[in-house]
């Protein structure tokens, strides 16, 4: 019974890590929308208005990032890449830190694993933003099947 419980916990941790990895690209809009919603609710607005303000802020951030991704300047194109990569790294650090503390005692190993996960997930979020949003141009010479 203990083995089954340990395997269940391990599978749940792997599924949580996989979910975090796939959602790391959207850490920046989620953080921005949550911050605006929290600020709106704390200023005295209701829950509905706070939720609408958060959704609008996240949508505006994604639209601005898509517009910057299509800019001609390479510096302007790297602004959303850096933002999405940094927020993905912060989310990866905290999620890996929580998962590592569930299995290991607090110490240098947990910090090392958390930092490694932050670098891995942050760079993956930045690279996914580049590949998905970059829009690869088609080759001028398509492959021939003859």
N, C-alpha and C. Protein backbone atom coordinates (compact mmCIF):
# COMPACT_ATOMS: atom_id res chain seq x y z
N UNK A 1 0.82 -1.19 0.00
CA UNK A 1 0.00 0.00 0.00
C UNK A 1 0.87 1.26 0.00
N UNK A 2 1.97 1.20 0.73
CA UNK A 2 2.87 2.35 0.78
C UNK A 2 3.51 2.57 -0.59
N UNK A 3 3.82 1.50 -1.29
CA UNK A 3 4.42 1.62 -2.62
C UNK A 3 3.44 2.27 -3.58
N UNK A 4 2.19 1.87 -3.51
CA UNK A 4 1.17 2.46 -4.38
C UNK A 4 1.00 3.95 -4.07
N UNK A 5 1.00 4.31 -2.80
CA UNK A 5 0.88 5.72 -2.42
C UNK A 5 2.09 6.52 -2.90
N UNK A 6 3.28 5.95 -2.77
CA UNK A 6 4.49 6.65 -3.23
C UNK A 6 4.47 6.82 -4.74
N UNK A 7 4.04 5.81 -5.47
CA UNK A 7 3.96 5.93 -6.93
C UNK A 7 2.90 6.95 -7.34
N UNK A 8 1.80 7.00 -6.62
CA UNK A 8 0.75 7.98 -6.92
C UNK A 8 1.25 9.40 -6.71
N UNK A 9 1.97 9.61 -5.62
CA UNK A 9 2.54 10.94 -5.34
C UNK A 9 3.57 11.31 -6.40
N UNK A 10 4.39 10.36 -6.81
CA UNK A 10 5.40 10.62 -7.83
C UNK A 10 4.75 10.94 -9.18
N UNK A 11 3.72 10.21 -9.54
CA UNK A 11 3.01 10.49 -10.79
C UNK A 11 2.33 11.85 -10.73
N UNK A 12 1.75 12.19 -9.60
CA UNK A 12 1.12 13.51 -9.45
C UNK A 12 2.16 14.63 -9.57
N UNK A 13 3.34 14.43 -9.00
CA UNK A 13 4.40 15.44 -9.11
C UNK A 13 4.87 15.59 -10.55
N UNK A 14 5.00 14.50 -11.26
CA UNK A 14 5.42 14.57 -12.66
C UNK A 14 4.36 15.26 -13.51
N UNK A 15 3.09 14.94 -13.26
CA UNK A 15 2.01 15.61 -14.00
C UNK A 15 1.94 17.10 -13.68
N UNK A 16 2.18 17.47 -12.43
CA UNK A 16 2.20 18.89 -12.06
C UNK A 16 3.36 19.62 -12.74
N UNK A 17 4.52 18.97 -12.80
CA UNK A 17 5.67 19.58 -13.47
C UNK A 17 5.42 19.72 -14.97
N UNK A 18 4.79 18.73 -15.56
CA UNK A 18 4.47 18.79 -16.99
C UNK A 18 3.46 19.91 -17.28
N UNK A 19 2.47 20.05 -16.42
CA UNK A 19 1.50 21.13 -16.58
C UNK A 19 2.17 22.49 -16.45
N UNK A 20 3.06 22.64 -15.48
CA UNK A 20 3.78 23.89 -15.32
C UNK A 20 4.61 24.20 -16.55
N UNK A 21 5.28 23.19 -17.09
CA UNK A 21 6.13 23.41 -18.26
C UNK A 21 5.29 23.85 -19.45
N UNK A 22 4.13 23.25 -19.64
CA UNK A 22 3.31 23.63 -20.78
C UNK A 22 2.63 24.98 -20.59
N UNK A 23 2.40 25.41 -19.36
CA UNK A 23 1.76 26.69 -19.10
C UNK A 23 2.75 27.82 -18.81
N UNK A 24 4.04 27.52 -18.83
CA UNK A 24 5.04 28.54 -18.49
C UNK A 24 5.06 29.70 -19.47
N UNK A 25 4.59 29.46 -20.68
CA UNK A 25 4.57 30.53 -21.67
C UNK A 25 3.59 31.63 -21.29
N UNK A 26 2.56 31.27 -20.52
CA UNK A 26 1.53 32.24 -20.18
C UNK A 26 1.68 32.78 -18.76
N UNK A 27 2.87 32.69 -18.18
CA UNK A 27 3.09 33.19 -16.83
C UNK A 27 3.01 34.72 -16.79
N UNK A 28 3.55 35.39 -17.79
CA UNK A 28 3.53 36.86 -17.79
C UNK A 28 2.12 37.43 -17.91
N UNK A 29 1.28 36.98 -18.85
CA UNK A 29 -0.08 37.53 -18.88
C UNK A 29 -0.88 37.18 -17.62
N UNK A 30 -0.66 35.99 -17.08
CA UNK A 30 -1.37 35.61 -15.86
C UNK A 30 -0.94 36.50 -14.70
N UNK A 31 0.35 36.75 -14.58
CA UNK A 31 0.85 37.61 -13.51
C UNK A 31 0.33 39.04 -13.68
N UNK A 32 0.37 39.54 -14.89
CA UNK A 32 -0.10 40.91 -15.15
C UNK A 32 -1.59 41.04 -14.89
N UNK A 33 -2.37 40.09 -15.38
CA UNK A 33 -3.81 40.12 -15.16
C UNK A 33 -4.17 39.96 -13.69
N UNK A 34 -3.47 39.09 -12.98
CA UNK A 34 -3.73 38.91 -11.55
C UNK A 34 -3.37 40.14 -10.74
N UNK A 35 -2.28 40.78 -11.10
CA UNK A 35 -1.88 41.99 -10.39
C UNK A 35 -2.88 43.12 -10.59
N UNK A 36 -3.33 43.31 -11.82
CA UNK A 36 -4.31 44.36 -12.09
C UNK A 36 -5.64 44.04 -11.41
N UNK A 37 -6.04 42.77 -11.42
CA UNK A 37 -7.29 42.39 -10.76
C UNK A 37 -7.20 42.60 -9.26
N UNK A 38 -6.07 42.26 -8.67
CA UNK A 38 -5.89 42.44 -7.23
C UNK A 38 -5.91 43.93 -6.88
N UNK A 39 -5.21 44.73 -7.67
CA UNK A 39 -5.17 46.17 -7.42
C UNK A 39 -6.56 46.79 -7.58
N UNK A 40 -7.30 46.34 -8.59
CA UNK A 40 -8.65 46.86 -8.81
C UNK A 40 -9.58 46.48 -7.66
N UNK A 41 -9.48 45.24 -7.21
CA UNK A 41 -10.33 44.80 -6.10
C UNK A 41 -9.96 45.51 -4.81
N UNK A 42 -8.67 45.74 -4.58
CA UNK A 42 -8.23 46.41 -3.35
C UNK A 42 -8.62 47.88 -3.34
N UNK A 43 -8.84 48.47 -4.52
CA UNK A 43 -9.22 49.87 -4.55
C UNK A 43 -10.71 50.08 -4.30
N UNK A 44 -11.46 49.00 -4.10
CA UNK A 44 -12.85 49.13 -3.74
C UNK A 44 -13.83 48.67 -4.80
N UNK A 45 -13.35 48.23 -5.94
CA UNK A 45 -14.26 47.73 -6.98
C UNK A 45 -14.72 46.32 -6.60
N UNK A 46 -15.76 45.85 -7.22
CA UNK A 46 -16.28 44.53 -6.94
C UNK A 46 -15.48 43.43 -7.62
N UNK A 47 -15.87 42.20 -7.35
CA UNK A 47 -15.18 41.04 -7.93
C UNK A 47 -15.33 40.98 -9.44
N UNK A 48 -16.50 41.34 -9.93
CA UNK A 48 -16.75 41.27 -11.37
C UNK A 48 -15.89 42.28 -12.12
N UNK A 49 -15.85 43.50 -11.63
CA UNK A 49 -15.04 44.52 -12.27
C UNK A 49 -13.56 44.18 -12.18
N UNK A 50 -13.12 43.63 -11.06
CA UNK A 50 -11.72 43.24 -10.91
C UNK A 50 -11.35 42.13 -11.89
N UNK A 51 -12.25 41.16 -12.06
CA UNK A 51 -11.99 40.08 -13.01
C UNK A 51 -11.95 40.60 -14.44
N UNK A 52 -12.85 41.52 -14.77
CA UNK A 52 -12.84 42.10 -16.12
C UNK A 52 -11.58 42.93 -16.37
N UNK A 53 -11.14 43.67 -15.36
CA UNK A 53 -9.92 44.47 -15.50
C UNK A 53 -8.70 43.57 -15.67
N UNK A 54 -8.64 42.48 -14.91
CA UNK A 54 -7.53 41.54 -15.05
C UNK A 54 -7.50 40.88 -16.41
N UNK A 55 -8.66 40.48 -16.91
CA UNK A 55 -8.74 39.86 -18.23
C UNK A 55 -8.35 40.86 -19.32
N UNK A 56 -8.79 42.10 -19.18
CA UNK A 56 -8.42 43.13 -20.15
C UNK A 56 -6.92 43.41 -20.14
N UNK A 57 -6.32 43.45 -18.95
CA UNK A 57 -4.88 43.70 -18.86
C UNK A 57 -4.08 42.56 -19.48
N UNK A 58 -4.49 41.32 -19.22
CA UNK A 58 -3.77 40.18 -19.80
C UNK A 58 -3.92 40.17 -21.32
N UNK A 59 -5.11 40.50 -21.81
CA UNK A 59 -5.33 40.54 -23.25
C UNK A 59 -4.51 41.65 -23.90
N UNK A 60 -4.48 42.82 -23.27
CA UNK A 60 -3.68 43.93 -23.82
C UNK A 60 -2.19 43.60 -23.82
N UNK A 61 -1.73 42.89 -22.79
CA UNK A 61 -0.33 42.49 -22.76
C UNK A 61 -0.01 41.54 -23.90
N UNK A 62 -0.88 40.56 -24.15
CA UNK A 62 -0.63 39.64 -25.26
C UNK A 62 -0.67 40.34 -26.61
N UNK A 63 -1.59 41.29 -26.77
CA UNK A 63 -1.66 42.04 -28.03
C UNK A 63 -0.40 42.88 -28.22
N UNK A 64 0.05 43.54 -27.15
CA UNK A 64 1.27 44.35 -27.25
C UNK A 64 2.49 43.47 -27.54
N UNK A 65 2.54 42.29 -26.93
CA UNK A 65 3.67 41.38 -27.19
C UNK A 65 3.65 40.90 -28.63
N UNK A 66 2.47 40.61 -29.18
CA UNK A 66 2.39 40.20 -30.58
C UNK A 66 2.79 41.34 -31.51
N UNK A 67 2.41 42.56 -31.16
CA UNK A 67 2.82 43.70 -31.99
C UNK A 67 4.32 43.91 -31.92
N UNK A 68 4.90 43.77 -30.73
CA UNK A 68 6.36 43.91 -30.61
C UNK A 68 7.10 42.77 -31.30
N UNK A 69 6.50 41.58 -31.34
CA UNK A 69 7.15 40.45 -32.01
C UNK A 69 7.23 40.67 -33.51
N UNK A 70 6.35 41.49 -34.06
CA UNK A 70 6.39 41.78 -35.48
C UNK A 70 7.17 43.02 -35.84
N UNK A 71 7.85 43.64 -34.88
CA UNK A 71 8.59 44.87 -35.16
C UNK A 71 9.83 44.56 -36.00
N UNK A 72 10.33 45.59 -36.66
CA UNK A 72 11.53 45.42 -37.48
C UNK A 72 12.81 45.41 -36.65
N UNK A 73 12.83 46.13 -35.56
CA UNK A 73 14.02 46.23 -34.73
C UNK A 73 14.21 44.96 -33.91
N UNK A 74 15.42 44.39 -33.92
CA UNK A 74 15.65 43.18 -33.14
C UNK A 74 15.56 43.43 -31.63
N UNK A 75 15.87 44.65 -31.20
CA UNK A 75 15.77 44.97 -29.78
C UNK A 75 14.32 44.95 -29.33
N UNK A 76 13.43 45.52 -30.14
CA UNK A 76 12.01 45.51 -29.80
C UNK A 76 11.42 44.11 -29.85
N UNK A 77 11.95 43.26 -30.72
CA UNK A 77 11.46 41.89 -30.78
C UNK A 77 11.91 41.08 -29.58
N UNK A 78 13.03 41.46 -28.96
CA UNK A 78 13.53 40.72 -27.80
C UNK A 78 12.88 41.14 -26.48
N UNK A 79 12.16 42.26 -26.47
CA UNK A 79 11.50 42.71 -25.23
C UNK A 79 10.46 41.69 -24.75
N UNK A 80 9.52 41.24 -25.60
CA UNK A 80 8.58 40.23 -25.09
C UNK A 80 9.25 38.89 -24.80
N UNK A 81 10.29 38.56 -25.55
CA UNK A 81 11.00 37.30 -25.29
C UNK A 81 11.62 37.33 -23.90
N UNK A 82 12.25 38.44 -23.55
CA UNK A 82 12.85 38.56 -22.22
C UNK A 82 11.79 38.56 -21.13
N UNK A 83 10.69 39.26 -21.35
CA UNK A 83 9.63 39.30 -20.35
C UNK A 83 9.00 37.94 -20.12
N UNK A 84 8.69 37.23 -21.20
CA UNK A 84 8.09 35.91 -21.06
C UNK A 84 9.08 34.92 -20.47
N UNK A 85 10.35 35.04 -20.84
CA UNK A 85 11.37 34.14 -20.29
C UNK A 85 11.61 34.37 -18.81
N UNK A 86 11.67 35.63 -18.38
CA UNK A 86 11.89 35.92 -16.96
C UNK A 86 10.72 35.47 -16.10
N UNK A 87 9.51 35.75 -16.54
CA UNK A 87 8.34 35.32 -15.76
C UNK A 87 8.21 33.81 -15.75
N UNK A 88 8.52 33.16 -16.84
CA UNK A 88 8.52 31.70 -16.87
C UNK A 88 9.57 31.13 -15.93
N UNK A 89 10.73 31.79 -15.85
CA UNK A 89 11.78 31.34 -14.94
C UNK A 89 11.38 31.49 -13.48
N UNK A 90 10.73 32.59 -13.14
CA UNK A 90 10.27 32.78 -11.76
C UNK A 90 9.21 31.74 -11.40
N UNK A 91 8.29 31.49 -12.32
CA UNK A 91 7.27 30.47 -12.08
C UNK A 91 7.90 29.09 -11.96
N UNK A 92 8.89 28.80 -12.79
CA UNK A 92 9.57 27.52 -12.72
C UNK A 92 10.35 27.34 -11.43
N UNK A 93 10.97 28.41 -10.95
CA UNK A 93 11.71 28.33 -9.69
C UNK A 93 10.78 27.97 -8.54
N UNK A 94 9.68 28.69 -8.43
CA UNK A 94 8.79 28.48 -7.30
C UNK A 94 8.09 27.13 -7.36
N UNK A 95 7.71 26.69 -8.55
CA UNK A 95 7.07 25.38 -8.66
C UNK A 95 8.06 24.25 -8.36
N UNK A 96 9.27 24.36 -8.88
CA UNK A 96 10.27 23.33 -8.62
C UNK A 96 10.69 23.34 -7.15
N UNK A 97 10.74 24.52 -6.56
CA UNK A 97 11.09 24.61 -5.14
C UNK A 97 10.03 23.91 -4.29
N UNK A 98 8.76 24.12 -4.61
CA UNK A 98 7.70 23.45 -3.87
C UNK A 98 7.71 21.95 -4.07
N UNK A 99 7.93 21.50 -5.30
CA UNK A 99 7.99 20.07 -5.55
C UNK A 99 9.21 19.44 -4.90
N UNK A 100 10.34 20.14 -4.93
CA UNK A 100 11.56 19.58 -4.32
C UNK A 100 11.43 19.52 -2.81
N UNK A 101 10.78 20.49 -2.20
CA UNK A 101 10.59 20.45 -0.75
C UNK A 101 9.65 19.33 -0.32
N UNK A 102 8.81 18.86 -1.23
CA UNK A 102 7.93 17.74 -0.89
C UNK A 102 8.71 16.43 -0.78
N UNK A 103 9.86 16.36 -1.44
CA UNK A 103 10.62 15.11 -1.47
C UNK A 103 11.96 15.18 -0.74
N UNK A 104 12.54 16.36 -0.62
CA UNK A 104 13.89 16.50 -0.05
C UNK A 104 13.87 17.48 1.11
N UNK A 105 14.82 17.34 2.04
CA UNK A 105 14.92 18.36 3.09
C UNK A 105 15.51 19.65 2.52
N UNK A 106 15.18 20.77 3.15
CA UNK A 106 15.64 22.07 2.67
C UNK A 106 17.16 22.14 2.77
N UNK A 107 17.77 22.64 1.71
CA UNK A 107 19.22 22.75 1.69
C UNK A 107 19.70 23.20 0.33
N UNK A 108 21.00 22.99 0.09
CA UNK A 108 21.60 23.43 -1.16
C UNK A 108 21.11 22.64 -2.36
N UNK A 109 20.76 21.38 -2.14
CA UNK A 109 20.29 20.57 -3.26
C UNK A 109 18.95 21.10 -3.76
N UNK A 110 18.08 21.48 -2.84
CA UNK A 110 16.78 22.03 -3.24
C UNK A 110 16.97 23.35 -3.98
N UNK A 111 17.86 24.21 -3.50
CA UNK A 111 18.12 25.48 -4.17
C UNK A 111 18.72 25.25 -5.55
N UNK A 112 19.64 24.30 -5.65
CA UNK A 112 20.25 24.00 -6.95
C UNK A 112 19.24 23.47 -7.95
N UNK A 113 18.38 22.55 -7.49
CA UNK A 113 17.34 22.03 -8.37
C UNK A 113 16.36 23.13 -8.79
N UNK A 114 16.03 24.01 -7.86
CA UNK A 114 15.10 25.10 -8.17
C UNK A 114 15.70 26.07 -9.18
N UNK A 115 16.98 26.39 -9.01
CA UNK A 115 17.63 27.29 -9.96
C UNK A 115 17.79 26.65 -11.33
N UNK A 116 18.09 25.36 -11.35
CA UNK A 116 18.21 24.66 -12.63
C UNK A 116 16.85 24.62 -13.34
N UNK A 117 15.79 24.38 -12.60
CA UNK A 117 14.45 24.38 -13.19
C UNK A 117 14.07 25.77 -13.68
N UNK A 118 14.46 26.80 -12.92
CA UNK A 118 14.16 28.17 -13.35
C UNK A 118 14.84 28.49 -14.67
N UNK A 119 16.10 28.11 -14.81
CA UNK A 119 16.81 28.36 -16.07
C UNK A 119 16.21 27.55 -17.21
N UNK A 120 15.87 26.29 -16.93
CA UNK A 120 15.31 25.42 -17.97
C UNK A 120 13.94 25.92 -18.42
N UNK A 121 13.06 26.20 -17.50
CA UNK A 121 11.70 26.60 -17.85
C UNK A 121 11.68 28.02 -18.42
N UNK A 122 12.50 28.91 -17.87
CA UNK A 122 12.57 30.27 -18.42
C UNK A 122 13.10 30.29 -19.84
N UNK A 123 14.16 29.54 -20.10
CA UNK A 123 14.69 29.50 -21.47
C UNK A 123 13.72 28.78 -22.41
N UNK A 124 13.02 27.76 -21.91
CA UNK A 124 12.03 27.08 -22.76
C UNK A 124 10.88 28.01 -23.10
N UNK A 125 10.44 28.82 -22.14
CA UNK A 125 9.36 29.78 -22.42
C UNK A 125 9.81 30.81 -23.44
N UNK A 126 11.04 31.29 -23.30
CA UNK A 126 11.55 32.28 -24.26
C UNK A 126 11.70 31.66 -25.65
N UNK A 127 12.21 30.45 -25.71
CA UNK A 127 12.37 29.80 -27.02
C UNK A 127 11.02 29.46 -27.65
N UNK A 128 10.06 29.05 -26.83
CA UNK A 128 8.74 28.77 -27.38
C UNK A 128 8.09 30.05 -27.88
N UNK A 129 8.31 31.16 -27.19
CA UNK A 129 7.77 32.43 -27.68
C UNK A 129 8.41 32.79 -29.01
N UNK A 130 9.71 32.56 -29.14
CA UNK A 130 10.39 32.85 -30.40
C UNK A 130 9.89 31.97 -31.54
N UNK A 131 9.75 30.67 -31.29
CA UNK A 131 9.36 29.77 -32.37
C UNK A 131 7.89 29.89 -32.73
N UNK A 132 7.03 30.02 -31.73
CA UNK A 132 5.60 30.10 -32.01
C UNK A 132 5.24 31.46 -32.57
N UNK A 133 5.78 32.53 -31.99
CA UNK A 133 5.38 33.87 -32.37
C UNK A 133 6.29 34.46 -33.46
N UNK A 134 7.44 33.83 -33.70
CA UNK A 134 8.38 34.40 -34.66
C UNK A 134 7.91 34.28 -36.10
N UNK A 135 7.17 33.25 -36.39
CA UNK A 135 6.67 33.07 -37.74
C UNK A 135 7.78 32.73 -38.71
N UNK A 136 8.16 31.48 -38.75
CA UNK A 136 9.23 31.06 -39.65
C UNK A 136 8.80 31.28 -41.09
N UNK A 137 9.71 31.82 -41.87
CA UNK A 137 9.41 32.10 -43.27
C UNK A 137 9.60 30.82 -44.08
N UNK A 138 8.78 30.60 -45.09
CA UNK A 138 8.94 29.40 -45.90
C UNK A 138 10.19 29.49 -46.76
N UNK A 139 10.74 28.35 -47.07
CA UNK A 139 11.95 28.28 -47.87
C UNK A 139 11.64 28.68 -49.31
N UNK A 140 12.55 29.44 -49.98
CA UNK A 140 12.29 29.81 -51.38
C UNK A 140 12.37 28.59 -52.30
N UNK A 141 13.07 27.55 -51.88
CA UNK A 141 13.20 26.33 -52.70
C UNK A 141 12.52 25.19 -51.96
N UNK A 142 11.25 24.92 -52.23
CA UNK A 142 10.58 23.83 -51.52
C UNK A 142 11.19 22.49 -51.91
N UNK A 143 11.11 21.50 -51.02
CA UNK A 143 11.71 20.21 -51.34
C UNK A 143 10.96 19.54 -52.49
N UNK A 144 11.71 18.83 -53.29
CA UNK A 144 11.13 18.13 -54.43
C UNK A 144 10.91 16.67 -54.06
N UNK A 145 9.76 16.14 -54.40
CA UNK A 145 9.43 14.75 -54.09
C UNK A 145 9.65 13.84 -55.29
N UNK A 146 10.23 14.36 -56.35
CA UNK A 146 10.44 13.56 -57.56
C UNK A 146 11.77 12.86 -57.51
